[in-house]
N, C-alpha and C. Protein backbone atom coordinates (compact mmCIF):
# COMPACT_ATOMS: atom_id res chain seq x y z
N MET A 1 154.92 128.90 176.92
CA MET A 1 153.88 128.56 175.96
C MET A 1 154.35 127.40 175.10
N SER A 2 153.47 126.42 174.88
CA SER A 2 153.82 125.27 174.06
C SER A 2 154.12 125.70 172.63
N SER A 3 155.08 125.00 172.00
CA SER A 3 155.40 125.31 170.61
C SER A 3 154.38 124.70 169.66
N THR A 4 153.57 123.77 170.16
CA THR A 4 152.56 123.13 169.33
C THR A 4 151.44 124.11 169.00
N VAL A 5 151.12 124.19 167.71
CA VAL A 5 150.02 125.05 167.27
C VAL A 5 148.94 124.16 166.68
N ASP A 6 147.89 123.96 167.42
CA ASP A 6 146.72 123.25 166.92
C ASP A 6 145.49 123.90 167.55
N ALA A 7 144.32 123.44 167.15
CA ALA A 7 143.09 124.09 167.59
C ALA A 7 142.93 124.03 169.10
N ALA A 8 143.27 122.90 169.71
CA ALA A 8 143.11 122.77 171.16
C ALA A 8 143.99 123.77 171.90
N ALA A 9 145.24 123.92 171.45
CA ALA A 9 146.15 124.86 172.10
C ALA A 9 145.67 126.30 171.92
N VAL A 10 145.16 126.62 170.74
CA VAL A 10 144.70 127.98 170.46
C VAL A 10 143.46 128.32 171.29
N THR A 11 142.50 127.41 171.34
CA THR A 11 141.28 127.70 172.11
C THR A 11 141.56 127.75 173.60
N ARG A 12 142.48 126.93 174.08
CA ARG A 12 142.87 127.02 175.50
C ARG A 12 143.49 128.38 175.79
N PHE A 13 144.33 128.82 174.89
CA PHE A 13 144.97 130.13 175.05
C PHE A 13 143.92 131.24 175.08
N HIS A 14 143.01 131.22 174.12
CA HIS A 14 141.95 132.23 174.08
C HIS A 14 141.16 132.27 175.38
N ASP A 15 140.75 131.11 175.86
CA ASP A 15 139.94 131.05 177.08
C ASP A 15 140.72 131.51 178.30
N ALA A 16 142.00 131.13 178.36
CA ALA A 16 142.82 131.51 179.51
C ALA A 16 143.01 133.02 179.57
N GLU A 17 143.20 133.65 178.41
CA GLU A 17 143.35 135.11 178.40
C GLU A 17 142.07 135.79 178.85
N LEU A 18 140.93 135.31 178.38
CA LEU A 18 139.65 135.91 178.75
C LEU A 18 139.34 135.72 180.23
N ALA A 19 139.91 134.71 180.84
CA ALA A 19 139.66 134.44 182.26
C ALA A 19 140.43 135.39 183.17
N GLN A 20 141.43 136.11 182.61
CA GLN A 20 142.19 137.04 183.43
C GLN A 20 141.36 138.28 183.73
N PRO A 21 141.27 138.68 184.98
CA PRO A 21 140.42 139.83 185.33
C PRO A 21 140.88 141.14 184.71
N ASP A 22 142.16 141.27 184.37
CA ASP A 22 142.66 142.53 183.81
C ASP A 22 142.85 142.46 182.29
N TRP A 23 142.30 141.42 181.67
CA TRP A 23 142.37 141.30 180.22
C TRP A 23 141.23 142.08 179.59
N PRO A 24 141.41 142.82 178.51
CA PRO A 24 142.63 142.93 177.71
C PRO A 24 143.51 144.13 178.05
N ALA A 25 143.23 144.81 179.16
CA ALA A 25 144.05 145.98 179.50
C ALA A 25 145.51 145.61 179.64
N LEU A 26 145.77 144.45 180.26
CA LEU A 26 147.15 143.97 180.41
C LEU A 26 147.41 142.96 179.30
N HIS A 27 148.36 143.29 178.46
CA HIS A 27 148.64 142.46 177.29
C HIS A 27 150.04 141.88 177.39
N GLY A 28 150.15 140.55 177.36
CA GLY A 28 151.44 139.90 177.56
C GLY A 28 152.10 139.39 176.30
N ALA A 29 151.76 139.96 175.14
CA ALA A 29 152.32 139.45 173.88
C ALA A 29 153.84 139.57 173.85
N ALA A 30 154.39 140.58 174.51
CA ALA A 30 155.84 140.77 174.48
C ALA A 30 156.57 139.60 175.13
N GLU A 31 155.87 138.86 175.99
CA GLU A 31 156.48 137.72 176.66
C GLU A 31 156.46 136.47 175.79
N LEU A 32 155.74 136.52 174.68
CA LEU A 32 155.61 135.36 173.80
C LEU A 32 156.55 135.51 172.61
N ALA A 33 156.78 134.40 171.94
CA ALA A 33 157.68 134.41 170.79
C ALA A 33 157.04 133.72 169.61
N GLY A 34 157.53 134.05 168.43
CA GLY A 34 157.09 133.36 167.23
C GLY A 34 155.61 133.55 166.95
N ILE A 35 154.99 132.49 166.48
CA ILE A 35 153.60 132.56 166.06
C ILE A 35 152.66 132.89 167.20
N TRP A 36 153.02 132.49 168.43
CA TRP A 36 152.14 132.76 169.56
C TRP A 36 152.02 134.24 169.87
N ARG A 37 153.05 134.98 169.51
CA ARG A 37 152.96 136.43 169.70
C ARG A 37 151.89 137.00 168.77
N ALA A 38 151.82 136.50 167.53
CA ALA A 38 150.81 136.96 166.59
C ALA A 38 149.42 136.49 166.99
N ILE A 39 149.31 135.25 167.48
CA ILE A 39 148.02 134.72 167.94
C ILE A 39 147.51 135.55 169.10
N SER A 40 148.42 135.90 170.02
CA SER A 40 148.05 136.72 171.17
C SER A 40 147.61 138.11 170.73
N ALA A 41 148.33 138.71 169.79
CA ALA A 41 147.98 140.05 169.31
C ALA A 41 146.61 140.04 168.65
N ASN A 42 146.35 139.02 167.84
CA ASN A 42 145.05 138.93 167.19
C ASN A 42 143.92 138.86 168.22
N HIS A 43 144.09 138.04 169.23
CA HIS A 43 143.07 137.89 170.27
C HIS A 43 142.92 139.19 171.06
N HIS A 44 144.03 139.82 171.35
CA HIS A 44 144.02 141.07 172.10
C HIS A 44 143.22 142.14 171.37
N PHE A 45 143.48 142.30 170.08
CA PHE A 45 142.78 143.35 169.34
C PHE A 45 141.32 142.99 169.09
N ASN A 46 141.00 141.70 168.99
CA ASN A 46 139.60 141.31 168.92
C ASN A 46 138.86 141.68 170.21
N CYS A 47 139.53 141.51 171.34
CA CYS A 47 138.92 141.87 172.63
C CYS A 47 138.72 143.37 172.74
N LEU A 48 139.71 144.14 172.31
CA LEU A 48 139.58 145.59 172.33
C LEU A 48 138.48 146.05 171.38
N LEU A 49 138.38 145.40 170.22
CA LEU A 49 137.32 145.70 169.27
C LEU A 49 135.95 145.45 169.89
N TRP A 50 135.81 144.32 170.57
CA TRP A 50 134.54 143.97 171.21
C TRP A 50 134.12 145.08 172.18
N GLN A 51 135.03 145.49 173.02
CA GLN A 51 134.72 146.52 174.00
C GLN A 51 134.33 147.84 173.32
N GLU A 52 135.10 148.20 172.29
CA GLU A 52 134.85 149.49 171.65
C GLU A 52 133.55 149.47 170.84
N GLU A 53 133.24 148.32 170.24
CA GLU A 53 131.97 148.22 169.52
C GLU A 53 130.79 148.42 170.49
N ASP A 54 130.91 147.88 171.70
CA ASP A 54 129.87 148.11 172.70
C ASP A 54 129.77 149.59 173.07
N ARG A 55 130.93 150.22 173.27
CA ARG A 55 130.94 151.63 173.64
C ARG A 55 130.35 152.50 172.52
N ALA A 56 130.57 152.12 171.28
CA ALA A 56 130.09 152.92 170.15
C ALA A 56 128.58 152.92 170.04
N ARG A 57 127.91 152.00 170.75
CA ARG A 57 126.44 151.94 170.71
C ARG A 57 125.79 152.80 171.79
N ARG A 58 126.57 153.53 172.57
CA ARG A 58 126.01 154.35 173.63
C ARG A 58 125.18 155.50 173.04
N VAL A 59 124.13 155.87 173.75
CA VAL A 59 123.28 156.98 173.33
C VAL A 59 123.27 158.10 174.37
N ASP A 60 124.06 157.93 175.43
CA ASP A 60 124.07 158.92 176.52
C ASP A 60 125.38 159.71 176.57
N VAL A 61 126.09 159.76 175.45
CA VAL A 61 127.37 160.48 175.40
C VAL A 61 127.36 161.40 174.18
N PRO A 62 128.23 162.42 174.17
CA PRO A 62 128.30 163.32 173.01
C PRO A 62 128.75 162.59 171.75
N ALA A 63 128.41 163.16 170.60
CA ALA A 63 128.80 162.57 169.32
C ALA A 63 130.32 162.42 169.20
N ALA A 64 131.07 163.32 169.83
CA ALA A 64 132.53 163.25 169.77
C ALA A 64 133.05 161.95 170.38
N ALA A 65 132.38 161.46 171.42
CA ALA A 65 132.80 160.21 172.06
C ALA A 65 132.59 159.03 171.11
N ILE A 66 131.51 159.06 170.34
CA ILE A 66 131.25 157.99 169.38
C ILE A 66 132.26 158.06 168.24
N ALA A 67 132.62 159.28 167.82
CA ALA A 67 133.63 159.43 166.77
C ALA A 67 134.97 158.87 167.23
N THR A 68 135.31 159.10 168.50
CA THR A 68 136.55 158.54 169.05
C THR A 68 136.51 157.01 169.02
N SER A 69 135.37 156.46 169.40
CA SER A 69 135.22 155.00 169.36
C SER A 69 135.37 154.47 167.95
N LYS A 70 134.78 155.15 166.98
CA LYS A 70 134.87 154.71 165.59
C LYS A 70 136.32 154.68 165.12
N ARG A 71 137.09 155.69 165.48
CA ARG A 71 138.49 155.73 165.07
C ARG A 71 139.29 154.60 165.74
N LEU A 72 138.96 154.31 166.99
CA LEU A 72 139.63 153.20 167.68
C LEU A 72 139.24 151.87 167.04
N ILE A 73 137.99 151.73 166.65
CA ILE A 73 137.54 150.50 165.99
C ILE A 73 138.33 150.28 164.70
N ASP A 74 138.49 151.34 163.91
CA ASP A 74 139.26 151.22 162.67
C ASP A 74 140.71 150.80 162.97
N ARG A 75 141.30 151.41 164.00
CA ARG A 75 142.69 151.10 164.34
C ARG A 75 142.83 149.66 164.82
N TYR A 76 141.94 149.22 165.72
CA TYR A 76 142.02 147.86 166.23
C TYR A 76 141.76 146.83 165.13
N ASN A 77 140.83 147.16 164.23
CA ASN A 77 140.54 146.22 163.15
C ASN A 77 141.74 146.05 162.23
N GLN A 78 142.45 147.14 161.97
CA GLN A 78 143.67 147.06 161.16
C GLN A 78 144.70 146.18 161.86
N GLN A 79 144.90 146.38 163.15
CA GLN A 79 145.89 145.61 163.91
C GLN A 79 145.49 144.15 164.03
N ARG A 80 144.20 143.91 164.15
CA ARG A 80 143.70 142.53 164.17
C ARG A 80 144.03 141.82 162.86
N ASN A 81 143.78 142.49 161.73
CA ASN A 81 144.06 141.88 160.43
C ASN A 81 145.55 141.74 160.19
N ASP A 82 146.34 142.69 160.65
CA ASP A 82 147.80 142.56 160.54
C ASP A 82 148.28 141.30 161.27
N ALA A 83 147.66 141.02 162.42
CA ALA A 83 148.05 139.83 163.19
C ALA A 83 147.65 138.55 162.47
N VAL A 84 146.50 138.55 161.80
CA VAL A 84 146.09 137.37 161.02
C VAL A 84 147.14 137.08 159.94
N GLU A 85 147.58 138.12 159.25
CA GLU A 85 148.59 137.94 158.22
C GLU A 85 149.90 137.43 158.82
N ALA A 86 150.25 137.92 160.00
CA ALA A 86 151.48 137.47 160.67
C ALA A 86 151.39 135.99 161.04
N ILE A 87 150.21 135.54 161.47
CA ILE A 87 150.01 134.13 161.79
C ILE A 87 150.26 133.28 160.55
N ASP A 88 149.64 133.67 159.44
CA ASP A 88 149.80 132.89 158.21
C ASP A 88 151.24 132.91 157.70
N GLU A 89 151.91 134.05 157.83
CA GLU A 89 153.31 134.13 157.42
C GLU A 89 154.17 133.17 158.24
N ALA A 90 153.92 133.10 159.54
CA ALA A 90 154.70 132.21 160.40
C ALA A 90 154.45 130.74 160.06
N LEU A 91 153.19 130.41 159.80
CA LEU A 91 152.87 129.03 159.44
C LEU A 91 153.47 128.65 158.09
N LEU A 92 153.42 129.55 157.13
CA LEU A 92 154.00 129.26 155.82
C LEU A 92 155.52 129.11 155.91
N ALA A 93 156.15 129.89 156.79
CA ALA A 93 157.60 129.74 156.97
C ALA A 93 157.93 128.36 157.52
N ALA A 94 157.08 127.86 158.43
CA ALA A 94 157.31 126.53 159.00
C ALA A 94 157.06 125.43 157.98
N LEU A 95 156.23 125.73 156.97
CA LEU A 95 155.91 124.74 155.93
C LEU A 95 156.77 124.91 154.69
N ASP A 96 157.81 125.72 154.79
CA ASP A 96 158.60 126.11 153.63
C ASP A 96 159.14 124.91 152.86
N ARG A 97 159.48 123.83 153.54
CA ARG A 97 160.08 122.67 152.88
C ARG A 97 159.04 121.65 152.43
N ILE A 98 157.77 121.94 152.68
CA ILE A 98 156.70 121.03 152.26
C ILE A 98 156.25 121.42 150.87
N GLU A 99 156.39 120.52 149.93
CA GLU A 99 155.97 120.78 148.56
C GLU A 99 154.59 120.20 148.34
N PRO A 100 153.60 121.04 148.02
CA PRO A 100 152.25 120.51 147.78
C PRO A 100 152.24 119.49 146.65
N GLY A 101 151.52 118.40 146.84
CA GLY A 101 151.44 117.37 145.83
C GLY A 101 150.63 117.82 144.63
N PRO A 102 150.66 117.06 143.55
CA PRO A 102 149.96 117.45 142.32
C PRO A 102 148.45 117.60 142.51
N GLY A 103 147.89 116.89 143.45
CA GLY A 103 146.45 116.97 143.66
C GLY A 103 146.07 117.82 144.86
N ALA A 104 147.04 118.60 145.39
CA ALA A 104 146.79 119.39 146.59
C ALA A 104 145.73 120.46 146.31
N ARG A 105 144.86 120.67 147.26
CA ARG A 105 143.80 121.66 147.10
C ARG A 105 144.23 123.00 147.71
N LEU A 106 143.76 124.07 147.11
CA LEU A 106 144.00 125.41 147.65
C LEU A 106 142.86 125.75 148.60
N SER A 107 143.21 126.08 149.84
CA SER A 107 142.20 126.48 150.83
C SER A 107 142.03 127.99 150.76
N SER A 108 140.81 128.42 150.45
CA SER A 108 140.56 129.86 150.36
C SER A 108 140.56 130.52 151.73
N GLU A 109 140.28 129.75 152.77
CA GLU A 109 140.36 130.27 154.14
C GLU A 109 141.68 129.81 154.75
N THR A 110 142.42 130.74 155.29
CA THR A 110 143.74 130.41 155.84
C THR A 110 143.62 130.02 157.30
N PRO A 111 144.65 129.35 157.85
CA PRO A 111 144.65 129.05 159.28
C PRO A 111 144.54 130.31 160.14
N GLY A 112 145.20 131.40 159.71
CA GLY A 112 145.11 132.64 160.47
C GLY A 112 143.69 133.15 160.55
N ALA A 113 142.97 133.07 159.43
CA ALA A 113 141.57 133.51 159.42
C ALA A 113 140.72 132.62 160.32
N MET A 114 141.02 131.32 160.34
CA MET A 114 140.28 130.41 161.21
C MET A 114 140.56 130.72 162.68
N MET A 115 141.83 131.02 163.00
CA MET A 115 142.16 131.36 164.39
C MET A 115 141.50 132.66 164.80
N ASP A 116 141.39 133.58 163.86
CA ASP A 116 140.67 134.83 164.12
C ASP A 116 139.21 134.54 164.45
N ARG A 117 138.59 133.66 163.69
CA ARG A 117 137.19 133.30 163.96
C ARG A 117 137.07 132.55 165.29
N LEU A 118 138.05 131.72 165.62
CA LEU A 118 138.04 131.03 166.92
C LEU A 118 138.13 132.04 168.06
N SER A 119 138.95 133.08 167.86
CA SER A 119 139.07 134.13 168.87
C SER A 119 137.72 134.81 169.09
N ILE A 120 137.04 135.14 168.00
CA ILE A 120 135.74 135.81 168.11
C ILE A 120 134.71 134.88 168.75
N LEU A 121 134.75 133.60 168.41
CA LEU A 121 133.83 132.65 169.04
C LEU A 121 134.09 132.54 170.53
N SER A 122 135.35 132.58 170.93
CA SER A 122 135.66 132.51 172.36
C SER A 122 135.10 133.73 173.08
N LEU A 123 135.16 134.89 172.43
CA LEU A 123 134.58 136.11 172.99
C LEU A 123 133.07 135.98 173.13
N LYS A 124 132.42 135.47 172.08
CA LYS A 124 130.98 135.30 172.13
C LYS A 124 130.58 134.33 173.25
N MET A 125 131.33 133.24 173.37
CA MET A 125 131.05 132.27 174.43
C MET A 125 131.24 132.89 175.80
N HIS A 126 132.31 133.64 175.96
CA HIS A 126 132.60 134.26 177.25
C HIS A 126 131.48 135.21 177.66
N HIS A 127 131.07 136.06 176.75
CA HIS A 127 130.05 137.06 177.10
C HIS A 127 128.66 136.44 177.17
N MET A 128 128.39 135.40 176.38
CA MET A 128 127.10 134.73 176.49
C MET A 128 127.01 133.99 177.81
N ARG A 129 128.13 133.42 178.26
CA ARG A 129 128.14 132.74 179.56
C ARG A 129 127.85 133.73 180.68
N LEU A 130 128.40 134.93 180.58
CA LEU A 130 128.12 135.96 181.58
C LEU A 130 126.63 136.29 181.62
N GLN A 131 125.98 136.26 180.45
CA GLN A 131 124.54 136.53 180.41
C GLN A 131 123.75 135.45 181.14
N THR A 132 124.24 134.22 181.07
CA THR A 132 123.53 133.13 181.76
C THR A 132 123.68 133.22 183.28
N GLU A 133 124.61 134.05 183.73
CA GLU A 133 124.88 134.17 185.17
C GLU A 133 124.29 135.45 185.77
N ARG A 134 123.54 136.20 184.98
CA ARG A 134 122.98 137.45 185.46
C ARG A 134 121.85 137.21 186.47
N SER A 135 121.97 137.83 187.62
CA SER A 135 120.93 137.71 188.63
C SER A 135 119.79 138.71 188.42
N ASP A 136 120.04 139.72 187.56
CA ASP A 136 119.03 140.74 187.32
C ASP A 136 118.19 140.45 186.08
N ALA A 137 118.44 139.32 185.42
CA ALA A 137 117.70 138.97 184.21
C ALA A 137 116.68 137.89 184.51
N GLY A 138 115.62 137.86 183.72
CA GLY A 138 114.57 136.88 183.92
C GLY A 138 114.97 135.49 183.46
N GLN A 139 114.16 134.51 183.81
CA GLN A 139 114.45 133.12 183.47
C GLN A 139 114.47 132.90 181.96
N ALA A 140 113.57 133.57 181.24
CA ALA A 140 113.51 133.39 179.79
C ALA A 140 114.82 133.87 179.13
N HIS A 141 115.36 134.98 179.63
CA HIS A 141 116.62 135.50 179.10
C HIS A 141 117.76 134.52 179.36
N VAL A 142 117.82 134.01 180.58
CA VAL A 142 118.89 133.08 180.94
C VAL A 142 118.79 131.80 180.10
N GLN A 143 117.58 131.29 179.92
CA GLN A 143 117.40 130.06 179.14
C GLN A 143 117.78 130.28 177.68
N ALA A 144 117.38 131.43 177.11
CA ALA A 144 117.72 131.72 175.72
C ALA A 144 119.23 131.83 175.54
N CYS A 145 119.90 132.49 176.48
CA CYS A 145 121.35 132.65 176.39
C CYS A 145 122.07 131.32 176.61
N SER A 146 121.51 130.46 177.45
CA SER A 146 122.11 129.14 177.67
C SER A 146 122.05 128.31 176.39
N ALA A 147 120.93 128.39 175.67
CA ALA A 147 120.80 127.66 174.41
C ALA A 147 121.77 128.22 173.37
N ARG A 148 121.92 129.53 173.33
CA ARG A 148 122.86 130.15 172.39
C ARG A 148 124.29 129.76 172.72
N LEU A 149 124.60 129.68 174.00
CA LEU A 149 125.95 129.29 174.41
C LEU A 149 126.27 127.88 173.92
N GLN A 150 125.33 126.97 174.04
CA GLN A 150 125.56 125.60 173.57
C GLN A 150 125.80 125.57 172.06
N ARG A 151 125.07 126.40 171.34
CA ARG A 151 125.27 126.45 169.89
C ARG A 151 126.64 127.02 169.56
N LEU A 152 127.07 128.04 170.29
CA LEU A 152 128.40 128.61 170.07
C LEU A 152 129.50 127.59 170.36
N ILE A 153 129.30 126.80 171.40
CA ILE A 153 130.28 125.75 171.73
C ILE A 153 130.40 124.76 170.58
N THR A 154 129.26 124.37 170.00
CA THR A 154 129.26 123.45 168.87
C THR A 154 129.96 124.08 167.66
N GLN A 155 129.66 125.37 167.41
CA GLN A 155 130.29 126.05 166.28
C GLN A 155 131.80 126.11 166.44
N ARG A 156 132.27 126.37 167.65
CA ARG A 156 133.72 126.44 167.86
C ARG A 156 134.33 125.05 167.70
N HIS A 157 133.66 124.03 168.19
CA HIS A 157 134.16 122.66 168.03
C HIS A 157 134.30 122.30 166.55
N ASP A 158 133.29 122.67 165.75
CA ASP A 158 133.33 122.37 164.32
C ASP A 158 134.47 123.11 163.63
N LEU A 159 134.62 124.39 163.94
CA LEU A 159 135.68 125.19 163.33
C LEU A 159 137.06 124.69 163.74
N ALA A 160 137.19 124.29 165.00
CA ALA A 160 138.46 123.76 165.48
C ALA A 160 138.86 122.51 164.69
N ALA A 161 137.87 121.66 164.41
CA ALA A 161 138.15 120.45 163.64
C ALA A 161 138.60 120.80 162.23
N CYS A 162 137.98 121.84 161.64
CA CYS A 162 138.39 122.28 160.30
C CYS A 162 139.81 122.84 160.30
N LEU A 163 140.16 123.57 161.34
CA LEU A 163 141.52 124.11 161.43
C LEU A 163 142.54 122.99 161.54
N ASP A 164 142.28 122.03 162.40
CA ASP A 164 143.22 120.90 162.54
C ASP A 164 143.33 120.13 161.23
N GLY A 165 142.21 119.98 160.52
CA GLY A 165 142.25 119.28 159.25
C GLY A 165 143.13 119.99 158.23
N LEU A 166 143.00 121.32 158.16
CA LEU A 166 143.82 122.07 157.21
C LEU A 166 145.30 122.02 157.59
N LEU A 167 145.60 122.18 158.87
CA LEU A 167 147.00 122.12 159.30
C LEU A 167 147.60 120.74 159.00
N ARG A 168 146.83 119.72 159.22
CA ARG A 168 147.29 118.35 158.97
C ARG A 168 147.52 118.13 157.47
N GLU A 169 146.59 118.57 156.65
CA GLU A 169 146.72 118.39 155.21
C GLU A 169 147.87 119.23 154.64
N ALA A 170 148.05 120.44 155.18
CA ALA A 170 149.15 121.28 154.70
C ALA A 170 150.50 120.65 155.02
N ALA A 171 150.62 120.07 156.22
CA ALA A 171 151.88 119.43 156.61
C ALA A 171 152.17 118.20 155.77
N ALA A 172 151.11 117.58 155.22
CA ALA A 172 151.28 116.38 154.39
C ALA A 172 151.35 116.72 152.91
N GLY A 173 151.29 118.00 152.56
CA GLY A 173 151.34 118.39 151.16
C GLY A 173 150.05 118.15 150.41
N GLN A 174 148.96 117.92 151.14
CA GLN A 174 147.67 117.64 150.50
C GLN A 174 146.83 118.90 150.31
N ALA A 175 147.22 119.98 150.97
CA ALA A 175 146.52 121.26 150.84
C ALA A 175 147.53 122.37 151.02
N TYR A 176 147.18 123.54 150.54
CA TYR A 176 148.07 124.69 150.72
C TYR A 176 147.22 125.95 150.83
N PHE A 177 147.84 127.01 151.31
CA PHE A 177 147.15 128.29 151.46
C PHE A 177 148.15 129.41 151.20
N LYS A 178 147.64 130.60 151.06
CA LYS A 178 148.48 131.77 150.81
C LYS A 178 148.16 132.84 151.84
N VAL A 179 149.06 133.82 151.94
CA VAL A 179 148.76 134.99 152.77
C VAL A 179 147.89 135.94 151.93
N TYR A 180 146.70 136.18 152.40
CA TYR A 180 145.81 137.09 151.68
C TYR A 180 145.84 138.46 152.36
N ARG A 181 146.33 139.46 151.65
CA ARG A 181 146.43 140.81 152.19
C ARG A 181 145.06 141.48 152.17
N GLN A 182 144.72 142.13 153.26
CA GLN A 182 143.41 142.74 153.38
C GLN A 182 143.31 144.10 152.70
N PHE A 183 144.41 144.83 152.68
CA PHE A 183 144.44 146.15 152.03
C PHE A 183 143.24 147.00 152.46
N LYS A 184 143.19 147.33 153.75
CA LYS A 184 142.12 148.16 154.28
C LYS A 184 142.28 149.58 153.76
N MET A 185 141.66 149.87 152.64
CA MET A 185 141.87 151.15 151.95
C MET A 185 141.39 152.35 152.76
N TYR A 186 140.36 152.15 153.57
CA TYR A 186 139.82 153.29 154.31
C TYR A 186 140.79 153.80 155.37
N ASN A 187 141.74 152.96 155.78
CA ASN A 187 142.72 153.36 156.79
C ASN A 187 143.96 154.02 156.19
N ASP A 188 144.06 154.00 154.87
CA ASP A 188 145.27 154.49 154.21
C ASP A 188 145.00 155.88 153.62
N PRO A 189 145.68 156.92 154.13
CA PRO A 189 145.45 158.28 153.61
C PRO A 189 145.74 158.40 152.12
N ALA A 190 146.57 157.51 151.58
CA ALA A 190 146.89 157.58 150.16
C ALA A 190 145.83 156.89 149.29
N LEU A 191 144.91 156.15 149.89
CA LEU A 191 143.92 155.39 149.13
C LEU A 191 142.48 155.82 149.40
N ASN A 192 142.24 156.47 150.52
CA ASN A 192 140.89 156.91 150.87
C ASN A 192 140.67 158.31 150.30
N PRO A 193 139.77 158.46 149.30
CA PRO A 193 139.61 159.77 148.65
C PRO A 193 139.12 160.87 149.60
N TYR A 194 138.48 160.48 150.70
CA TYR A 194 138.04 161.49 151.66
C TYR A 194 139.21 162.00 152.50
N LEU A 195 140.33 161.30 152.42
CA LEU A 195 141.52 161.72 153.16
C LEU A 195 142.52 162.44 152.27
N TYR A 196 142.57 162.08 150.97
CA TYR A 196 143.53 162.78 150.11
C TYR A 196 142.87 163.87 149.28
N GLY A 197 141.55 164.09 149.46
CA GLY A 197 140.90 165.28 148.94
C GLY A 197 140.44 165.25 147.51
N GLN A 198 140.26 164.05 146.91
CA GLN A 198 139.78 163.97 145.54
C GLN A 198 138.25 163.94 145.51
N PRO A 199 137.65 164.39 144.41
CA PRO A 199 136.19 164.37 144.32
C PRO A 199 135.65 162.95 144.45
N VAL A 200 134.53 162.81 145.14
CA VAL A 200 133.87 161.51 145.30
C VAL A 200 132.43 161.68 144.84
N GLY A 201 132.04 160.93 143.82
CA GLY A 201 130.68 161.02 143.32
C GLY A 201 130.33 162.39 142.78
N GLY A 202 131.34 163.09 142.25
CA GLY A 202 131.08 164.40 141.65
C GLY A 202 131.16 165.54 142.62
N THR A 203 131.42 165.25 143.91
CA THR A 203 131.53 166.31 144.91
C THR A 203 132.80 166.14 145.70
N MET A 204 133.27 167.23 146.27
CA MET A 204 134.45 167.17 147.12
C MET A 204 134.03 166.80 148.54
N PRO A 205 134.85 166.04 149.25
CA PRO A 205 134.54 165.72 150.65
C PRO A 205 134.35 167.00 151.46
N ALA A 206 133.47 166.94 152.43
CA ALA A 206 133.22 168.10 153.30
C ALA A 206 134.51 168.56 153.95
N GLY A 207 134.72 169.86 153.94
CA GLY A 207 135.90 170.41 154.60
C GLY A 207 137.12 170.45 153.72
N SER A 208 136.98 169.99 152.46
CA SER A 208 138.16 169.99 151.57
C SER A 208 138.37 171.35 150.95
C-alpha cells in the first residue's frame, strides 16, 4: 500500500475493497500498517453497517433477529468511529512538527471524518451502480438510479477536493484540526441510564 495519503489514494482503496467478491467478510486490515490500517477498518465497519442496516429493515423475521441486528449496528458504529479517531491521531502525529501560523484556521471537520464520508459515498455509488444493472427493474428505475449515481460521483469529487485542500493547508501550517471524541454514551454501561439502572424521566427502566 502506498504511504501517500490523499483523496485519490483513499477513494481508490475504497473502490478496490468493494470490488472484492468476498468483501467485507474477508478483512485484510492486519496486512496494512499505520494510517492505512485505520482507513481500512473504517471502511470495513461502514460496509458491515450498510449490510446490517439493510437486514434490520426486514419484516419477515422474528423481532429477536431485528434486536440482534440493532446490537450489531451499535457495535459496528462504535468501531467505525474509533477508526475515524485513529485516522486523525495518525495524521496529527505526522504533522507534529508543523506549527500552525498566526492566521491558521481551525477546521471543524477533520480529515478522518471526511474519509469516513468518502467511504460512505463509495458504498452509495457501489450499490447505486448495482441498481442500474438490474435486469428485473423497469427502465424508469434504471434511469433514476443512473442520475443519482452521477450526482453521487460529483459529491465524492467535491468532497475529495475538500479533503486534499485541508491536508495541503495543514501541512503548510495554514489550517489545523483536532481529534474530536464521539463519546457514544449509549454504548457505555457506565453512562447509559438504562444499563446502570437509574430512573429515567421519573421511571425505572423496564426489567430493573
